[in-house]
Amino acid sequence: MQAPKPVPFVMGGYMPPAARGWRRELKAALLIDFAVIYGVLLAMFAYNFLVELLAPLAIFALLIIWMLPDTENPPRRLLFGLMWALLVAQLVWPDYLAVDAMGLPWITALRLITLPLGLIFLISLSVSPSMRSNVKQIIASAPKVWQFLVVFMVLAFVSVGYSSSPAISMDRYVIALLYWTLPFFVGAYVFAQPGRAMALIWLLWATILFLCAMGLWEERLGQVPWGPHIPSFLAIQDESVLRILTGAARAATGIYRVQSKFSTSLGFAEFLGLTTPFIVHMLVAAKNWIVRIAALATLPLMFYCIVATDSRLGIVGFFLSFLFYLFFWGFLRRAQDKESLIGTAVIVAYPAVFIAFLASTMVVPQISAMVWGSGAQQASTEARQEQYRQGIPMVIARPWGYGIGRGASQLGFVNRAGIGTIDTYVLAIALEVGILGLITYFGMFIAAIYAGAIAVQSARDRETRLLIPLVIALAIFIVIKTILSQLDNHPLVFVLLGATVALTYRVQQSQKDGDYALYKPCVITPCTIRGTWDDRS
């Protein structure tokens, strides 16, 4: 009697392989030939075409991830941990302290984290139907945001094909995928979980104190404190890094400009301007008086550091935080209590307050110098005007752009140091990805601001009311990008964009589920912006 054939072991979710035949043998031979040719090309041209040669491996990795069997146990804890590691690396670690391996891009802390973060996120989506459904529901709460983002990334990818330097454009596109798109989607998922948005605010506050302390130390030394103590394996011998470590001073005044861990003082000023709304919110909304006093003490420290950067955009962001927050406070108080005299008075008087502030920036010499600049900043203003004069005709001549990452080189404008530069991100995006790219880029932030502003009217608990500073921070970011093209804070901004969508989703879910029945009627007061749980909580 013939013995039965052994049954091959097959993992759950897979099918046993088909019987071997000549077609399968041919496919295996072709695969081996491809691997041999690919290995030869990688050995010969990896130094000049590394990104292009790694593309097949990336596609192969995505195929393997797609083939993974479904399970309801994705590595969520690892995903959350990597997200926090990304934030710490972005907020604290200087991006120019990296390992410079021959033939490879700089191995920075952000790259060491974003690569496994992206891998874990894709694996989690592949193996968990419930997580896919959850992410879909979250981003669907503000659909225009992710739609504008996807369209922008598609336009950026297409621009690589007609770029004057496809290799550079592809490198910039990969950076945009890892530093912009990935933080948005992961942030939307992570900060939809209760408690994590509040933890983000505490992390931002701790980072503000740390970076301001480093800034004060730097101001005293006249250079970044870690400059003379960088270990050899993190010391990159590049002109741009040496320029950062040397520091900068405004040519007209000779005053040193504090930059903290950022590549320029403008990046530090932008960060402080973007985070000011969160400290203002803690000052107004915190129940604990110690927290409110600490927030009150933090604001002057932030303002001093902004002044030390000698940057107008930081001052603008700082002042706008208070103006925008005043509007939100009055608007929400009026929305929740139609008979509120204070809320009505704030809304009615707000245009006069805003006009009075603008007038003060033109009449009061000290404020005018900080916001609009003086003779010392005249060269910067003239440079920005000249860039628009040169760039707008180029955008009109080629409305589809010149390729992502190629805006500054295509414009050809150089500063007094002979370095190619472009000062406004509006012009940079238009030159790189075209007019449609400009619309979709700023459209995603405007859509998030609108969705968050609508949702915050129905927010009752302390965490969902963080939509107030989130929306204000995104509005300030749009204002700053009209005068700054640097990308130092982009990963953080896209995390905030994702958090805005996440909290919008939580508000909408609470409305659908009727969770707000657990709340007592809440009226916003100057001392608190929070919901009050009743005894059932």
Protein backbone atom coordinates (compact mmCIF):
# COMPACT_ATOMS: atom_id res chain seq x y z
CA MET A 1 0.00 0.00 0.00
CA GLN A 2 1.44 3.37 -1.01
CA ALA A 3 2.12 5.81 1.85
CA PRO A 4 0.13 9.07 1.73
CA LYS A 5 2.00 12.19 0.61
CA PRO A 6 2.95 14.54 3.45
CA VAL A 7 0.80 17.62 3.73
CA PRO A 8 2.95 20.80 3.57
CA PHE A 9 2.82 23.17 6.51
CA VAL A 10 0.96 26.37 5.60
CA MET A 11 0.60 29.39 7.87
CA GLY A 12 -2.85 30.73 8.65
CA GLY A 13 -4.18 33.09 6.00
CA TYR A 14 -2.08 31.53 3.19
CA MET A 15 -2.74 28.92 0.49
CA PRO A 16 -0.42 25.97 -0.30
CA PRO A 17 1.83 26.53 -3.32
CA ALA A 18 0.80 25.20 -6.70
CA ALA A 19 2.53 22.18 -8.21
CA ARG A 20 5.93 22.91 -9.70
CA GLY A 21 6.02 23.30 -13.47
CA TRP A 22 8.14 24.74 -16.22
CA ARG A 23 6.48 28.16 -15.91
CA ARG A 24 7.38 28.36 -12.25
CA GLU A 25 10.94 27.29 -13.01
CA LEU A 26 11.18 29.99 -15.67
CA LYS A 27 9.92 32.62 -13.27
CA ALA A 28 12.49 31.55 -10.68
CA ALA A 29 15.28 31.75 -13.26
CA LEU A 30 14.20 35.21 -14.36
CA LEU A 31 14.07 36.33 -10.75
CA ILE A 32 17.62 35.05 -10.16
CA ASP A 33 18.86 36.82 -13.31
CA PHE A 34 17.22 40.04 -12.20
CA ALA A 35 18.83 39.75 -8.76
CA VAL A 36 22.28 39.25 -10.31
CA ILE A 37 21.91 42.24 -12.66
CA TYR A 38 20.47 44.37 -9.87
CA GLY A 39 23.38 43.50 -7.57
CA VAL A 40 25.92 44.46 -10.24
CA LEU A 41 24.19 47.79 -10.88
CA LEU A 42 23.98 48.48 -7.14
CA ALA A 43 27.71 47.80 -6.70
CA MET A 44 28.68 49.99 -9.67
CA PHE A 45 26.33 52.97 -9.40
CA ALA A 46 25.12 53.09 -5.78
CA TYR A 47 27.12 56.25 -5.01
CA ASN A 48 25.43 58.33 -7.73
CA PHE A 49 21.99 56.68 -8.05
CA LEU A 50 21.29 55.26 -4.60
CA VAL A 51 17.67 56.43 -4.33
CA GLU A 52 16.77 55.16 -7.80
CA LEU A 53 18.44 51.79 -7.21
CA LEU A 54 16.73 51.33 -3.87
CA ALA A 55 13.29 51.84 -5.43
CA PRO A 56 12.90 48.15 -6.46
CA LEU A 57 13.72 47.06 -2.93
CA ALA A 58 11.12 49.45 -1.56
CA ILE A 59 8.51 48.09 -3.99
CA PHE A 60 9.45 44.53 -3.01
CA ALA A 61 9.13 45.40 0.69
CA LEU A 62 5.68 46.93 0.08
CA LEU A 63 4.63 43.77 -1.77
CA ILE A 64 5.70 41.60 1.17
CA ILE A 65 3.82 43.86 3.61
CA TRP A 66 0.70 43.65 1.43
CA MET A 67 0.92 39.83 1.47
CA LEU A 68 0.97 39.58 5.27
CA PRO A 69 -2.02 37.70 6.75
CA ASP A 70 -4.72 39.54 8.67
CA THR A 71 -4.55 39.64 12.45
CA GLU A 72 -6.05 41.79 15.16
CA ASN A 73 -2.81 42.17 17.06
CA PRO A 74 -0.80 44.85 15.21
CA PRO A 75 2.27 46.34 16.96
CA ARG A 76 0.40 49.39 18.29
CA ARG A 77 2.64 49.94 21.31
CA LEU A 78 5.72 49.97 19.11
CA LEU A 79 3.96 52.38 16.75
CA PHE A 80 3.12 54.74 19.61
CA GLY A 81 6.67 54.54 20.97
CA LEU A 82 8.19 55.35 17.58
CA MET A 83 5.81 58.30 17.20
CA TRP A 84 6.99 59.79 20.48
CA ALA A 85 10.60 59.09 19.49
CA LEU A 86 9.98 60.97 16.23
CA LEU A 87 8.67 63.98 18.14
CA VAL A 88 11.60 64.00 20.56
CA ALA A 89 14.10 63.72 17.70
CA GLN A 90 12.37 66.52 15.81
CA LEU A 91 12.05 68.81 18.81
CA VAL A 92 15.36 68.31 20.59
CA TRP A 93 18.06 66.79 18.38
CA PRO A 94 19.90 69.04 15.86
CA ASP A 95 19.42 67.57 12.41
CA TYR A 96 22.98 68.43 11.40
CA LEU A 97 24.44 66.10 14.05
CA ALA A 98 24.45 62.94 11.96
CA VAL A 99 26.61 60.13 10.63
CA ASP A 100 28.07 60.83 7.21
CA ALA A 101 28.60 57.40 5.63
CA MET A 102 30.27 57.28 2.24
CA GLY A 103 27.73 57.07 -0.56
CA LEU A 104 24.71 57.44 1.73
CA PRO A 105 22.58 60.43 2.73
CA TRP A 106 23.24 61.82 6.18
CA ILE A 107 22.04 59.32 8.76
CA THR A 108 20.11 61.67 11.01
CA ALA A 109 18.04 60.87 14.08
CA LEU A 110 14.85 61.62 12.15
CA ARG A 111 15.76 59.20 9.37
CA LEU A 112 16.66 56.48 11.86
CA ILE A 113 13.17 56.79 13.34
CA THR A 114 10.94 57.59 10.34
CA LEU A 115 12.04 54.52 8.37
CA PRO A 116 11.00 51.96 11.04
CA LEU A 117 7.97 54.10 11.89
CA GLY A 118 6.78 53.96 8.31
CA LEU A 119 7.46 50.22 8.15
CA ILE A 120 5.55 49.49 11.38
CA PHE A 121 2.65 51.72 10.33
CA LEU A 122 2.30 49.98 6.98
CA ILE A 123 2.55 46.55 8.61
CA SER A 124 -0.13 47.52 11.13
CA LEU A 125 -2.45 48.70 8.37
CA SER A 126 -1.79 45.56 6.34
CA VAL A 127 -2.50 43.03 9.08
CA SER A 128 -5.31 44.77 10.99
CA PRO A 129 -8.68 45.37 9.27
CA SER A 130 -9.95 47.18 12.37
CA MET A 131 -7.00 49.58 12.32
CA ARG A 132 -7.54 50.27 8.62
CA SER A 133 -11.17 51.01 9.33
CA ASN A 134 -10.26 53.25 12.26
CA VAL A 135 -7.72 55.27 10.28
CA LYS A 136 -10.25 55.62 7.46
CA GLN A 137 -12.88 56.93 9.85
CA ILE A 138 -10.44 59.38 11.45
CA ILE A 139 -9.23 61.01 8.24
CA ALA A 140 -12.80 60.99 6.87
CA SER A 141 -13.76 63.45 9.63
CA ALA A 142 -11.95 66.14 7.62
CA PRO A 143 -11.78 64.63 4.12
CA LYS A 144 -10.47 67.71 2.33
CA VAL A 145 -7.28 67.62 4.41
CA TRP A 146 -6.06 64.20 3.30
CA GLN A 147 -7.40 64.72 -0.22
CA PHE A 148 -5.39 67.92 -0.65
CA LEU A 149 -2.35 66.18 0.84
CA VAL A 150 -2.61 63.20 -1.51
CA VAL A 151 -3.10 65.42 -4.56
CA PHE A 152 -0.10 67.51 -3.55
CA MET A 153 2.10 64.42 -3.14
CA VAL A 154 0.96 63.11 -6.53
CA LEU A 155 1.82 66.44 -8.15
CA ALA A 156 5.20 66.42 -6.39
CA PHE A 157 5.89 62.90 -7.66
CA VAL A 158 4.98 63.86 -11.21
CA SER A 159 7.29 66.88 -10.95
CA VAL A 160 10.25 64.55 -10.44
CA GLY A 161 9.84 63.42 -14.04
CA TYR A 162 10.31 66.89 -15.55
CA SER A 163 12.77 68.19 -12.96
CA SER A 164 16.12 69.53 -14.16
CA SER A 165 17.72 67.20 -11.58
CA PRO A 166 15.51 64.12 -11.04
CA ALA A 167 17.90 62.63 -8.47
CA ILE A 168 17.70 65.70 -6.21
CA SER A 169 13.95 65.97 -6.70
CA MET A 170 13.43 62.29 -5.86
CA ASP A 171 15.47 62.74 -2.68
CA ARG A 172 13.29 65.70 -1.70
CA TYR A 173 10.17 63.71 -2.51
CA VAL A 174 11.24 60.84 -0.26
CA ILE A 175 11.91 63.36 2.51
CA ALA A 176 8.40 64.78 2.02
CA LEU A 177 6.93 61.27 2.28
CA LEU A 178 8.81 60.48 5.50
CA TYR A 179 8.73 63.91 7.19
CA TRP A 180 5.32 65.24 6.07
CA THR A 181 2.92 62.54 4.90
CA LEU A 182 3.90 59.85 7.41
CA PRO A 183 3.70 62.11 10.52
CA PHE A 184 0.27 63.31 9.39
CA PHE A 185 -1.31 59.87 9.07
CA VAL A 186 0.41 58.38 12.11
CA GLY A 187 -0.38 61.51 14.14
CA ALA A 188 -4.04 61.33 13.13
CA TYR A 189 -4.21 57.75 14.43
CA VAL A 190 -2.13 58.21 17.59
CA PHE A 191 -3.74 61.42 18.83
CA ALA A 192 -7.24 60.07 18.32
CA GLN A 193 -6.50 57.91 21.37
CA PRO A 194 -7.63 59.51 24.66
CA GLY A 195 -4.90 61.24 26.66
CA ARG A 196 -2.27 61.42 23.97
CA ALA A 197 -3.11 64.89 22.67
CA MET A 198 -2.70 66.28 26.17
CA ALA A 199 0.62 64.45 26.47
CA LEU A 200 1.70 66.19 23.26
CA ILE A 201 1.10 69.59 24.85
CA TRP A 202 3.16 68.68 27.90
CA LEU A 203 5.96 67.49 25.61
CA LEU A 204 5.85 70.75 23.67
CA TRP A 205 5.98 72.75 26.88
CA ALA A 206 8.98 70.80 28.20
CA THR A 207 10.70 71.27 24.84
CA ILE A 208 10.07 75.02 24.92
CA LEU A 209 11.73 75.31 28.32
CA PHE A 210 14.68 73.17 27.24
CA LEU A 211 15.30 75.00 23.96
CA CYS A 212 14.90 78.41 25.59
CA ALA A 213 17.45 77.42 28.24
CA MET A 214 19.82 76.33 25.47
CA GLY A 215 19.13 79.63 23.71
CA LEU A 216 20.03 81.67 26.77
CA TRP A 217 23.23 79.69 27.17
CA GLU A 218 24.01 80.13 23.48
CA GLU A 219 23.46 83.90 23.73
CA ARG A 220 25.99 84.06 26.54
CA LEU A 221 28.60 81.96 24.67
CA GLY A 222 28.07 83.49 21.24
CA GLN A 223 27.75 80.02 19.69
CA VAL A 224 25.79 76.80 20.20
CA PRO A 225 26.97 75.18 23.47
CA TRP A 226 27.67 71.78 21.90
CA GLY A 227 29.67 73.20 18.98
CA PRO A 228 33.17 72.54 20.38
CA HIS A 229 32.19 69.17 21.87
CA ILE A 230 30.72 67.26 18.90
CA PRO A 231 32.10 63.68 18.72
CA SER A 232 34.00 62.88 15.55
CA PHE A 233 31.46 60.34 14.26
CA LEU A 234 28.73 63.02 14.35
CA ALA A 235 30.86 65.83 12.91
CA ILE A 236 29.91 66.40 9.26
CA GLN A 237 32.54 68.25 7.26
CA ASP A 238 30.14 70.26 5.17
CA GLU A 239 30.09 73.99 4.48
CA SER A 240 26.46 74.34 5.55
CA VAL A 241 27.09 72.59 8.88
CA LEU A 242 30.16 74.68 9.59
CA ARG A 243 28.09 77.79 8.86
CA ILE A 244 25.43 76.66 11.36
CA LEU A 245 27.99 75.93 14.08
CA THR A 246 29.68 79.29 13.52
CA GLY A 247 26.40 81.12 14.10
CA ALA A 248 25.05 84.20 12.41
CA ALA A 249 24.65 87.88 13.10
CA ARG A 250 22.64 90.48 11.23
CA ALA A 251 25.03 92.35 8.94
CA ALA A 252 23.61 95.80 9.76
CA THR A 253 23.88 95.45 13.55
CA GLY A 254 26.43 92.71 14.22
CA ILE A 255 24.16 91.31 16.97
CA TYR A 256 24.37 87.53 17.39
CA ARG A 257 21.13 85.72 16.48
CA VAL A 258 20.22 82.81 18.75
CA GLN A 259 19.24 79.60 16.91
CA SER A 260 19.19 76.91 19.64
CA LYS A 261 19.06 73.43 18.05
CA PHE A 262 17.74 74.70 14.70
CA SER A 263 19.76 75.33 11.55
CA THR A 264 18.97 79.07 11.66
CA SER A 265 17.56 81.61 14.07
CA LEU A 266 14.47 81.82 11.85
CA GLY A 267 13.66 78.17 12.54
CA PHE A 268 13.87 78.77 16.30
CA ALA A 269 11.66 81.86 16.04
CA GLU A 270 9.12 79.94 13.94
CA PHE A 271 8.98 77.15 16.51
CA LEU A 272 8.35 79.59 19.36
CA GLY A 273 5.69 81.38 17.34
CA LEU A 274 3.92 78.11 16.52
CA THR A 275 3.94 76.88 20.12
CA THR A 276 2.86 80.14 21.79
CA PRO A 277 -0.89 79.29 21.38
CA PHE A 278 -0.46 76.15 23.48
CA ILE A 279 1.09 78.06 26.39
CA VAL A 280 -1.63 80.72 26.13
CA HIS A 281 -4.22 77.94 26.23
CA MET A 282 -2.65 76.44 29.36
CA LEU A 283 -2.70 79.90 30.96
CA VAL A 284 -6.42 80.28 30.25
CA ALA A 285 -7.70 76.71 30.51
CA ALA A 286 -5.68 75.04 33.26
CA LYS A 287 -7.57 74.26 36.44
CA ASN A 288 -4.43 74.09 38.55
CA TRP A 289 -3.15 77.52 39.57
CA ILE A 290 0.45 76.28 39.61
CA VAL A 291 0.14 75.34 35.95
CA ARG A 292 -1.34 78.73 35.11
CA ILE A 293 1.45 80.58 36.94
CA ALA A 294 4.06 78.44 35.17
CA ALA A 295 2.46 79.27 31.81
CA LEU A 296 2.44 82.95 32.70
CA ALA A 297 6.16 82.75 33.50
CA THR A 298 6.92 80.85 30.29
CA LEU A 299 5.50 83.46 27.93
CA PRO A 300 8.03 86.24 28.79
CA LEU A 301 10.84 83.69 28.45
CA MET A 302 9.60 82.77 24.98
CA PHE A 303 9.28 86.42 23.98
CA TYR A 304 12.83 87.16 25.15
CA CYS A 305 14.19 84.26 23.10
CA ILE A 306 12.24 85.42 20.05
CA VAL A 307 13.79 88.87 20.44
CA ALA A 308 17.20 87.18 20.75
CA THR A 309 16.65 85.55 17.36
CA ASP A 310 16.20 89.04 15.85
CA SER A 311 13.38 87.61 13.75
CA ARG A 312 10.22 89.46 12.81
CA LEU A 313 8.29 86.30 11.97
CA GLY A 314 8.61 85.08 15.57
CA ILE A 315 7.24 88.37 16.89
CA VAL A 316 4.34 88.19 14.43
CA GLY A 317 3.53 84.64 15.51
CA PHE A 318 3.72 85.56 19.20
CA PHE A 319 1.34 88.54 18.87
CA LEU A 320 -1.07 86.73 16.55
CA SER A 321 -1.39 83.93 19.12
CA PHE A 322 -3.00 86.35 21.58
CA LEU A 323 -5.16 88.04 18.95
CA PHE A 324 -6.47 84.78 17.50
CA TYR A 325 -7.03 83.28 20.93
CA LEU A 326 -9.05 86.32 22.02
CA PHE A 327 -11.30 85.85 19.00
CA PHE A 328 -11.79 82.14 19.71
CA TRP A 329 -12.53 82.82 23.37
CA GLY A 330 -15.20 85.38 22.57
CA PHE A 331 -16.64 83.33 19.72
CA LEU A 332 -16.99 80.14 21.78
CA ARG A 333 -18.41 81.95 24.78
CA ARG A 334 -21.00 83.61 22.55
CA ALA A 335 -21.76 80.30 20.77
CA GLN A 336 -22.44 78.46 24.04
CA ASP A 337 -24.27 81.29 25.80
CA LYS A 338 -26.23 83.52 23.43
CA GLU A 339 -27.00 85.91 26.29
CA SER A 340 -23.35 86.36 27.30
CA LEU A 341 -22.55 90.07 27.33
CA ILE A 342 -18.81 89.44 27.55
CA GLY A 343 -18.73 87.09 24.57
CA THR A 344 -20.85 89.46 22.50
CA ALA A 345 -18.68 92.42 23.50
CA VAL A 346 -15.50 90.60 22.48
CA ILE A 347 -16.91 89.67 19.06
CA VAL A 348 -18.24 93.18 18.42
CA ALA A 349 -15.07 94.91 19.62
CA TYR A 350 -12.64 92.47 17.98
CA PRO A 351 -12.30 94.34 14.64
CA ALA A 352 -11.48 97.52 16.57
CA VAL A 353 -8.95 95.65 18.71
CA PHE A 354 -7.31 94.14 15.63
CA ILE A 355 -7.14 97.52 13.87
CA ALA A 356 -5.73 99.11 17.02
CA PHE A 357 -3.00 96.48 17.12
CA LEU A 358 -2.12 97.09 13.48
CA ALA A 359 -2.04 100.81 14.15
CA SER A 360 0.30 100.30 17.10
CA THR A 361 2.71 98.36 14.88
CA MET A 362 2.95 101.43 12.68
CA VAL A 363 2.87 104.21 15.29
CA VAL A 364 4.79 102.84 18.29
CA PRO A 365 8.47 102.81 17.24
CA GLN A 366 9.50 99.75 19.30
CA ILE A 367 6.60 97.61 18.09
CA SER A 368 6.98 98.84 14.53
CA ALA A 369 10.65 97.85 14.49
CA MET A 370 9.87 94.35 15.84
CA VAL A 371 6.97 93.63 13.45
CA TRP A 372 7.78 95.51 10.26
CA GLY A 373 11.51 95.90 10.77
CA SER A 374 13.79 98.89 10.68
CA GLY A 375 16.75 99.87 8.56
CA ALA A 376 18.63 96.79 9.77
CA GLN A 377 16.01 94.52 8.17
CA GLN A 378 15.63 96.56 4.99
CA ALA A 379 17.98 94.32 3.02
CA SER A 380 15.88 91.27 3.88
CA THR A 381 12.68 93.02 2.81
CA GLU A 382 14.20 94.18 -0.47
CA ALA A 383 15.54 90.67 -1.16
CA ARG A 384 12.08 89.18 -0.70
CA GLN A 385 10.53 91.78 -3.03
CA GLU A 386 13.19 91.11 -5.66
CA GLN A 387 12.52 87.37 -5.46
CA TYR A 388 8.84 87.95 -6.16
CA ARG A 389 9.69 90.20 -9.11
CA GLN A 390 11.88 87.49 -10.61
CA GLY A 391 9.79 84.48 -9.60
CA ILE A 392 6.24 85.43 -10.57
CA PRO A 393 7.01 85.63 -14.33
CA MET A 394 8.71 82.23 -14.06
CA VAL A 395 5.61 80.73 -12.44
CA ILE A 396 3.38 82.22 -15.14
CA ALA A 397 5.69 80.91 -17.86
CA ARG A 398 5.62 77.37 -16.40
CA PRO A 399 2.55 76.99 -14.16
CA TRP A 400 3.20 73.27 -13.56
CA GLY A 401 6.52 74.02 -11.82
CA TYR A 402 10.15 73.03 -12.23
CA GLY A 403 10.36 70.01 -9.93
CA ILE A 404 10.18 69.53 -6.18
CA GLY A 405 13.29 70.81 -4.44
CA ARG A 406 14.38 72.90 -7.43
CA GLY A 407 12.73 76.24 -6.61
CA ALA A 408 15.76 78.07 -5.21
CA SER A 409 18.16 76.83 -7.86
CA GLN A 410 15.73 77.68 -10.64
CA LEU A 411 15.18 81.17 -9.26
CA GLY A 412 18.93 81.73 -9.09
CA PHE A 413 18.76 84.38 -6.36
CA VAL A 414 21.83 84.59 -4.07
CA ASN A 415 22.27 86.49 -0.82
CA ARG A 416 25.21 88.66 0.14
CA ALA A 417 27.20 85.56 1.13
CA GLY A 418 26.78 84.15 -2.37
CA ILE A 419 24.42 81.37 -1.24
CA GLY A 420 21.35 80.49 -3.28
CA THR A 421 18.18 81.18 -1.32
CA ILE A 422 14.45 81.74 -1.52
CA ASP A 423 12.74 83.44 1.41
CA THR A 424 9.03 82.77 0.93
CA TYR A 425 7.51 79.31 0.76
CA VAL A 426 4.60 80.59 -1.33
CA LEU A 427 7.01 81.32 -4.16
CA ALA A 428 9.04 78.16 -3.49
CA ILE A 429 6.00 75.85 -3.77
CA ALA A 430 4.74 77.64 -6.90
CA LEU A 431 8.14 77.28 -8.57
CA GLU A 432 8.55 73.63 -7.56
CA VAL A 433 5.09 72.03 -7.90
CA GLY A 434 3.21 74.73 -9.78
CA ILE A 435 0.09 76.74 -9.13
CA LEU A 436 -2.06 73.65 -8.46
CA GLY A 437 0.55 72.44 -6.00
CA LEU A 438 0.43 75.82 -4.25
CA ILE A 439 -3.36 75.58 -3.94
CA THR A 440 -3.33 72.02 -2.61
CA TYR A 441 -0.48 72.65 -0.17
CA PHE A 442 -2.10 75.59 1.59
CA GLY A 443 -5.54 74.11 0.96
CA MET A 444 -4.88 71.21 3.32
CA PHE A 445 -4.08 73.61 6.18
CA ILE A 446 -7.05 75.86 5.45
CA ALA A 447 -9.32 72.80 5.35
CA ALA A 448 -7.97 71.62 8.72
CA ILE A 449 -8.46 75.07 10.24
CA TYR A 450 -12.06 75.16 9.02
CA ALA A 451 -12.85 71.62 10.22
CA GLY A 452 -11.23 72.24 13.61
CA ALA A 453 -12.98 75.59 14.09
CA ILE A 454 -16.36 73.98 13.38
CA ALA A 455 -15.68 71.00 15.64
CA VAL A 456 -14.40 73.01 18.61
CA GLN A 457 -17.83 74.60 19.01
CA SER A 458 -19.10 71.19 20.16
CA ALA A 459 -16.03 70.24 22.22
CA ARG A 460 -16.68 69.89 25.93
CA ASP A 461 -13.75 68.00 27.49
CA ARG A 462 -10.32 69.40 28.15
CA GLU A 463 -8.55 67.38 25.47
CA THR A 464 -10.82 68.09 22.51
CA ARG A 465 -10.64 71.80 23.39
CA LEU A 466 -7.00 71.59 22.40
CA LEU A 467 -8.42 72.21 18.93
CA ILE A 468 -8.27 75.89 19.86
CA PRO A 469 -4.44 76.17 20.03
CA LEU A 470 -4.06 73.62 17.23
CA VAL A 471 -6.16 75.67 14.81
CA ILE A 472 -4.38 78.87 15.85
CA ALA A 473 -0.95 77.24 15.35
CA LEU A 474 -1.90 76.15 11.83
CA ALA A 475 -3.15 79.66 11.01
CA ILE A 476 0.12 81.14 12.26
CA PHE A 477 2.03 78.60 10.17
CA ILE A 478 0.28 79.84 7.02
CA VAL A 479 1.19 83.43 7.88
CA ILE A 480 4.82 82.52 8.58
CA LYS A 481 5.19 80.56 5.34
CA THR A 482 4.48 83.74 3.37
CA ILE A 483 7.84 85.07 4.61
CA LEU A 484 9.84 81.91 5.39
CA SER A 485 10.68 78.91 3.20
CA GLN A 486 12.78 76.85 5.63
CA LEU A 487 11.51 73.38 6.50
CA ASP A 488 12.95 72.84 10.00
CA ASN A 489 9.52 72.62 11.66
CA HIS A 490 7.61 70.78 8.93
CA PRO A 491 7.53 67.37 10.69
CA LEU A 492 6.06 69.00 13.80
CA VAL A 493 3.53 70.98 11.77
CA PHE A 494 2.26 67.86 10.01
CA VAL A 495 1.96 66.11 13.38
CA LEU A 496 -0.17 69.07 14.52
CA LEU A 497 -2.18 68.76 11.31
CA GLY A 498 -2.84 65.10 12.09
CA ALA A 499 -3.73 65.93 15.70
CA THR A 500 -6.27 68.50 14.46
CA VAL A 501 -7.97 65.87 12.32
CA ALA A 502 -7.83 63.37 15.21
CA LEU A 503 -9.55 65.68 17.68
CA THR A 504 -12.10 66.69 15.05
CA TYR A 505 -12.92 63.00 14.71
CA ARG A 506 -13.27 62.59 18.46
CA VAL A 507 -15.71 65.48 18.68
CA GLN A 508 -17.80 64.07 15.83
CA GLN A 509 -17.80 60.59 17.37
CA SER A 510 -18.87 61.97 20.73
CA GLN A 511 -21.76 63.77 19.08
CA LYS A 512 -22.88 60.59 17.30
CA ASP A 513 -22.54 58.39 20.38
CA GLY A 514 -24.27 60.85 22.67
CA ASP A 515 -21.34 60.93 25.08
CA TYR A 516 -21.87 64.60 25.71
CA ALA A 517 -24.95 63.76 27.74
CA LEU A 518 -22.50 63.02 30.53
CA TYR A 519 -21.53 66.68 30.66
CA LYS A 520 -23.14 69.40 32.63
CA PRO A 521 -23.81 72.62 30.72
CA CYS A 522 -20.49 74.38 30.31
CA VAL A 523 -19.92 78.10 30.00
CA ILE A 524 -16.49 79.40 29.06
CA THR A 525 -14.96 81.73 31.60
CA PRO A 526 -11.63 83.56 31.61
CA CYS A 527 -10.36 81.08 34.17
CA THR A 528 -11.24 77.84 32.44
CA ILE A 529 -12.12 76.36 29.11
CA ARG A 530 -13.14 72.83 29.97
CA GLY A 531 -16.10 70.52 30.39
CA THR A 532 -17.32 69.48 33.83
CA TRP A 533 -18.07 65.81 34.48
CA ASP A 534 -21.00 64.98 36.68
CA ASP A 535 -20.96 62.28 39.37
CA ARG A 536 -21.53 59.52 36.85
CA SER A 537 -17.98 59.99 35.49
